[in-house]
Amino acid sequence: MSQKIRLKKGDTVLVLAGKDAGRKGKILKVTPDKGRVTVEGINRVRKHQRPTRALPQGGILRIEAALDASNVMLVCGKCDRPTRIGSKILANGEKVRCCKKCGEVLE
């Protein structure tokens, strides 16, 4: 059974492992059933595209491939450091994500 992904589309993350380790980017897509995330400008691969009506010239495209979610870490917007994700229950009963280092709500 896979672990729950606490990352969301639009979050800024730091890549921890792989050829792009140390780079930051914004999450474009989250695939929870496979435990993977796609990050803008990270893990770019070449895709050979056959000519189609949408892309008549075809050619070699550079696209972002998915990374395993365990290889990225959320960057807090307030303290600007990579952090683990905690959870808080607000006074109105709403459960939100929070930064483990500074306690800031991450919504």
Protein backbone atom coordinates (compact mmCIF):
# COMPACT_ATOMS: atom_id res chain seq x y z
CA MET A 1 0.00 0.00 0.00
CA SER A 2 1.36 3.41 -0.95
CA GLN A 3 1.74 6.30 1.46
CA LYS A 4 -0.55 9.34 1.26
CA ILE A 5 0.88 12.30 -0.67
CA ARG A 6 0.52 15.59 1.20
CA LEU A 7 1.75 17.67 -1.74
CA LYS A 8 -0.65 19.64 -3.94
CA LYS A 9 -0.58 21.21 -7.39
CA GLY A 10 1.03 24.65 -7.19
CA ASP A 11 3.29 23.88 -4.20
CA THR A 12 6.96 24.89 -4.46
CA VAL A 13 9.27 21.94 -3.82
CA LEU A 14 12.99 21.22 -3.56
CA VAL A 15 14.34 18.14 -5.37
CA LEU A 16 16.34 15.94 -2.97
CA ALA A 17 17.63 13.19 -5.27
CA GLY A 18 18.42 12.57 -8.92
CA LYS A 19 20.06 14.60 -11.68
CA ASP A 20 18.22 17.79 -10.64
CA ALA A 21 18.97 17.55 -6.90
CA GLY A 22 19.03 20.96 -5.20
CA ARG A 23 16.74 22.69 -7.71
CA LYS A 24 13.37 24.23 -6.86
CA GLY A 25 10.20 24.15 -8.93
CA LYS A 26 6.42 24.32 -8.86
CA ILE A 27 4.29 21.16 -8.96
CA LEU A 28 2.31 20.85 -12.20
CA LYS A 29 0.64 17.47 -11.58
CA VAL A 30 0.22 15.00 -8.71
CA THR A 31 -0.49 11.31 -9.34
CA PRO A 32 -1.39 9.87 -5.90
CA ASP A 33 -2.11 6.29 -7.03
CA LYS A 34 1.46 5.97 -8.38
CA GLY A 35 3.05 8.22 -5.74
CA ARG A 36 4.57 10.60 -8.30
CA VAL A 37 4.68 14.34 -8.97
CA THR A 38 5.57 16.37 -12.07
CA VAL A 39 7.60 19.51 -11.35
CA GLU A 40 7.99 22.48 -13.70
CA GLY A 41 11.43 22.51 -15.40
CA ILE A 42 12.68 19.44 -13.49
CA ASN A 43 13.50 15.95 -14.86
CA ARG A 44 13.15 16.99 -18.50
CA VAL A 45 13.35 14.13 -21.01
CA ARG A 46 13.30 13.88 -24.80
CA LYS A 47 10.13 12.51 -26.38
CA HIS A 48 10.15 11.54 -30.05
CA GLN A 49 6.83 12.74 -31.48
CA ARG A 50 5.42 11.38 -34.72
CA PRO A 51 3.72 14.01 -36.92
CA THR A 52 0.01 14.42 -36.12
CA ARG A 53 -2.67 16.96 -37.00
CA ALA A 54 -1.99 18.81 -33.75
CA LEU A 55 1.81 18.78 -34.34
CA PRO A 56 2.33 18.52 -38.13
CA GLN A 57 6.13 18.78 -38.10
CA GLY A 58 6.68 16.11 -35.40
CA GLY A 59 10.21 16.06 -33.98
CA ILE A 60 11.90 15.69 -30.62
CA LEU A 61 10.15 17.42 -27.71
CA ARG A 62 11.52 18.23 -24.24
CA ILE A 63 8.89 17.43 -21.59
CA GLU A 64 8.89 17.09 -17.79
CA ALA A 65 8.73 13.49 -16.58
CA ALA A 66 7.28 12.48 -13.21
CA LEU A 67 9.44 12.13 -10.08
CA ASP A 68 8.74 9.95 -7.07
CA ALA A 69 7.08 12.04 -4.36
CA SER A 70 9.66 10.86 -1.81
CA ASN A 71 12.39 12.66 -3.78
CA VAL A 72 10.91 16.13 -3.28
CA MET A 73 10.36 18.25 -0.17
CA LEU A 74 7.95 21.14 0.28
CA VAL A 75 9.45 24.64 0.63
CA CYS A 76 7.68 26.89 3.15
CA GLY A 77 6.56 30.25 1.76
CA LYS A 78 7.31 32.13 5.00
CA CYS A 79 10.67 30.76 6.16
CA ASP A 80 11.79 29.75 2.59
CA ARG A 81 13.29 26.47 3.84
CA PRO A 82 12.50 22.87 2.88
CA THR A 83 10.25 21.38 5.54
CA ARG A 84 8.13 18.42 6.48
CA ILE A 85 4.37 18.87 6.47
CA GLY A 86 2.36 18.80 9.68
CA SER A 87 -1.34 19.29 10.26
CA LYS A 88 -3.32 21.62 12.51
CA ILE A 89 -6.96 21.90 13.37
CA LEU A 90 -8.09 25.53 13.36
CA ALA A 91 -10.64 27.08 15.74
CA ASN A 92 -13.42 26.62 13.17
CA GLY A 93 -12.67 22.86 12.97
CA GLU A 94 -10.89 22.95 9.60
CA LYS A 95 -7.82 20.70 9.20
CA VAL A 96 -4.92 22.43 7.39
CA ARG A 97 -1.31 21.70 6.43
CA CYS A 98 1.42 23.55 8.33
CA CYS A 99 5.20 24.00 8.28
CA LYS A 100 7.04 21.87 10.86
CA LYS A 101 9.82 24.48 11.23
CA CYS A 102 7.93 27.78 11.68
CA GLY A 103 4.34 26.60 12.25
CA GLU A 104 2.92 28.70 9.36
CA VAL A 105 -0.27 27.44 7.68
CA LEU A 106 0.51 26.28 4.10
CA GLU A 107 -2.77 27.03 2.35
